[in-house]
Amino acid sequence: MKVLKTIIKVLRNKYLVALAVFLAWIIFFDSRDIFTQMDKRAELNSLLESKRFYENEIATAKKQLSDIQNNAAALEKIAREQYKMKKPNEDLFLVEEP
């Protein structure tokens, strides 16, 4: 009975009730609630990870472009490996791995 009286006394305090309603509204019902913020944070982390990946790819492509422009052997290697080009009177065998 004593616990029930203390609960009723707390519920009669309009400031605590208003604070509880405000916190519930902010946490669960607002357009910037906790769940939305967690989703946005996960999306941000995913975008940052893809940004790092593409920055690495750009650096690799720039290095490869520099090699192609400055080294004829690198140009021939890329032409043979990536574009499957061959010299005249030369046979090309492609081996597929299982």
C-alpha atoms as a PDB file:
ATOM      1  CA  MET A   1       0.000   0.000   0.000  1.00  0.00           C
ATOM      2  CA  LYS A   2       2.860   2.308   0.831  1.00  0.00           C
ATOM      3  CA  VAL A   3       4.417   1.707  -2.611  1.00  0.00           C
ATOM      4  CA  LEU A   4       1.145   2.549  -4.306  1.00  0.00           C
ATOM      5  CA  LYS A   5       0.936   5.841  -2.429  1.00  0.00           C
ATOM      6  CA  THR A   6       4.471   6.821  -3.489  1.00  0.00           C
ATOM      7  CA  ILE A   7       3.674   5.976  -7.120  1.00  0.00           C
ATOM      8  CA  ILE A   8       0.529   8.102  -6.986  1.00  0.00           C
ATOM      9  CA  LYS A   9       2.501  10.928  -5.371  1.00  0.00           C
ATOM     10  CA  VAL A  10       5.089  10.778  -8.175  1.00  0.00           C
ATOM     11  CA  LEU A  11       2.376  10.715 -10.859  1.00  0.00           C
ATOM     12  CA  ARG A  12       0.756  13.800  -9.328  1.00  0.00           C
ATOM     13  CA  ASN A  13       3.950  15.759  -9.860  1.00  0.00           C
ATOM     14  CA  LYS A  14       3.168  17.474 -13.157  1.00  0.00           C
ATOM     15  CA  TYR A  15       6.810  18.265 -13.874  1.00  0.00           C
ATOM     16  CA  LEU A  16       7.911  14.617 -13.711  1.00  0.00           C
ATOM     17  CA  VAL A  17       4.974  13.536 -15.862  1.00  0.00           C
ATOM     18  CA  ALA A  18       5.772  16.268 -18.402  1.00  0.00           C
ATOM     19  CA  LEU A  19       9.446  15.244 -18.404  1.00  0.00           C
ATOM     20  CA  ALA A  20       8.531  11.577 -18.925  1.00  0.00           C
ATOM     21  CA  VAL A  21       6.187  12.412 -21.800  1.00  0.00           C
ATOM     22  CA  PHE A  22       8.804  14.696 -23.369  1.00  0.00           C
ATOM     23  CA  LEU A  23      11.532  12.022 -23.153  1.00  0.00           C
ATOM     24  CA  ALA A  24       9.214   9.370 -24.573  1.00  0.00           C
ATOM     25  CA  TRP A  25       8.312  11.682 -27.452  1.00  0.00           C
ATOM     26  CA  ILE A  26      11.955  12.526 -28.221  1.00  0.00           C
ATOM     27  CA  ILE A  27      13.177   8.929 -27.978  1.00  0.00           C
ATOM     28  CA  PHE A  28      10.411   7.138 -29.872  1.00  0.00           C
ATOM     29  CA  PHE A  29       8.140   9.446 -31.878  1.00  0.00           C
ATOM     30  CA  ASP A  30      10.225  12.366 -33.107  1.00  0.00           C
ATOM     31  CA  SER A  31      11.524  12.522 -36.681  1.00  0.00           C
ATOM     32  CA  ARG A  32      15.058  12.368 -35.269  1.00  0.00           C
ATOM     33  CA  ASP A  33      14.474   9.497 -32.869  1.00  0.00           C
ATOM     34  CA  ILE A  34      17.164   7.100 -31.694  1.00  0.00           C
ATOM     35  CA  PHE A  35      16.351   4.391 -34.231  1.00  0.00           C
ATOM     36  CA  THR A  36      16.578   6.798 -37.164  1.00  0.00           C
ATOM     37  CA  GLN A  37      19.867   8.136 -35.845  1.00  0.00           C
ATOM     38  CA  MET A  38      21.282   4.599 -35.581  1.00  0.00           C
ATOM     39  CA  ASP A  39      20.226   3.865 -39.176  1.00  0.00           C
ATOM     40  CA  LYS A  40      21.820   7.097 -40.384  1.00  0.00           C
ATOM     41  CA  ARG A  41      25.034   6.266 -38.505  1.00  0.00           C
ATOM     42  CA  ALA A  42      25.189   2.817 -40.131  1.00  0.00           C
ATOM     43  CA  GLU A  43      24.600   4.364 -43.558  1.00  0.00           C
ATOM     44  CA  LEU A  44      27.345   6.917 -42.909  1.00  0.00           C
ATOM     45  CA  ASN A  45      29.807   4.173 -41.936  1.00  0.00           C
ATOM     46  CA  SER A  46      28.931   2.252 -45.087  1.00  0.00           C
ATOM     47  CA  LEU A  47      29.450   5.337 -47.250  1.00  0.00           C
ATOM     48  CA  LEU A  48      32.795   6.104 -45.594  1.00  0.00           C
ATOM     49  CA  GLU A  49      33.926   2.528 -46.218  1.00  0.00           C
ATOM     50  CA  SER A  50      32.984   2.738 -49.897  1.00  0.00           C
ATOM     51  CA  LYS A  51      34.750   6.117 -50.106  1.00  0.00           C
ATOM     52  CA  ARG A  52      37.978   4.535 -48.816  1.00  0.00           C
ATOM     53  CA  PHE A  53      37.583   1.700 -51.325  1.00  0.00           C
ATOM     54  CA  TYR A  54      37.146   4.063 -54.273  1.00  0.00           C
ATOM     55  CA  GLU A  55      40.020   6.272 -53.132  1.00  0.00           C
ATOM     56  CA  ASN A  56      42.261   3.183 -53.163  1.00  0.00           C
ATOM     57  CA  GLU A  57      40.965   2.241 -56.608  1.00  0.00           C
ATOM     58  CA  ILE A  58      41.680   5.758 -57.902  1.00  0.00           C
ATOM     59  CA  ALA A  59      45.221   5.638 -56.501  1.00  0.00           C
ATOM     60  CA  THR A  60      45.795   2.264 -58.192  1.00  0.00           C
ATOM     61  CA  ALA A  61      44.442   3.556 -61.502  1.00  0.00           C
ATOM     62  CA  LYS A  62      46.631   6.663 -61.309  1.00  0.00           C
ATOM     63  CA  LYS A  63      49.707   4.520 -60.648  1.00  0.00           C
ATOM     64  CA  GLN A  64      48.801   2.244 -63.547  1.00  0.00           C
ATOM     65  CA  LEU A  65      48.295   5.254 -65.838  1.00  0.00           C
ATOM     66  CA  SER A  66      51.666   6.636 -64.837  1.00  0.00           C
ATOM     67  CA  ASP A  67      53.289   3.257 -65.578  1.00  0.00           C
ATOM     68  CA  ILE A  68      51.600   3.075 -68.982  1.00  0.00           C
ATOM     69  CA  GLN A  69      52.735   6.559 -69.950  1.00  0.00           C
ATOM     70  CA  ASN A  70      56.341   6.065 -68.845  1.00  0.00           C
ATOM     71  CA  ASN A  71      57.108   2.389 -69.456  1.00  0.00           C
ATOM     72  CA  ALA A  72      56.568   0.495 -72.721  1.00  0.00           C
ATOM     73  CA  ALA A  73      56.950  -2.888 -71.017  1.00  0.00           C
ATOM     74  CA  ALA A  74      54.135  -2.036 -68.589  1.00  0.00           C
ATOM     75  CA  LEU A  75      51.966  -0.962 -71.515  1.00  0.00           C
ATOM     76  CA  GLU A  76      52.554  -4.289 -73.260  1.00  0.00           C
ATOM     77  CA  LYS A  77      51.884  -6.230 -70.048  1.00  0.00           C
ATOM     78  CA  ILE A  78      48.546  -4.485 -69.502  1.00  0.00           C
ATOM     79  CA  ALA A  79      47.558  -4.895 -73.144  1.00  0.00           C
ATOM     80  CA  ARG A  80      48.308  -8.627 -73.019  1.00  0.00           C
ATOM     81  CA  GLU A  81      46.773  -9.380 -69.612  1.00  0.00           C
ATOM     82  CA  GLN A  82      43.697  -7.173 -69.532  1.00  0.00           C
ATOM     83  CA  TYR A  83      42.798  -6.745 -73.185  1.00  0.00           C
ATOM     84  CA  LYS A  84      44.117 -10.113 -74.425  1.00  0.00           C
ATOM     85  CA  MET A  85      46.034  -8.554 -77.291  1.00  0.00           C
ATOM     86  CA  LYS A  86      48.754 -10.476 -79.080  1.00  0.00           C
ATOM     87  CA  LYS A  87      51.591  -9.905 -81.472  1.00  0.00           C
ATOM     88  CA  PRO A  88      51.267 -10.918 -85.125  1.00  0.00           C
ATOM     89  CA  ASN A  89      51.938 -14.626 -85.779  1.00  0.00           C
ATOM     90  CA  GLU A  90      51.452 -15.445 -82.121  1.00  0.00           C
ATOM     91  CA  ASP A  91      48.897 -17.826 -80.618  1.00  0.00           C
ATOM     92  CA  LEU A  92      46.981 -16.925 -77.479  1.00  0.00           C
ATOM     93  CA  PHE A  93      45.807 -19.626 -75.064  1.00  0.00           C
ATOM     94  CA  LEU A  94      43.394 -18.723 -72.289  1.00  0.00           C
ATOM     95  CA  VAL A  95      43.334 -21.041 -69.298  1.00  0.00           C
ATOM     96  CA  GLU A  96      40.237 -20.896 -67.142  1.00  0.00           C
ATOM     97  CA  GLU A  97      40.533 -21.887 -63.517  1.00  0.00           C
ATOM     98  CA  PRO A  98      37.727 -24.049 -62.105  1.00  0.00           C
END
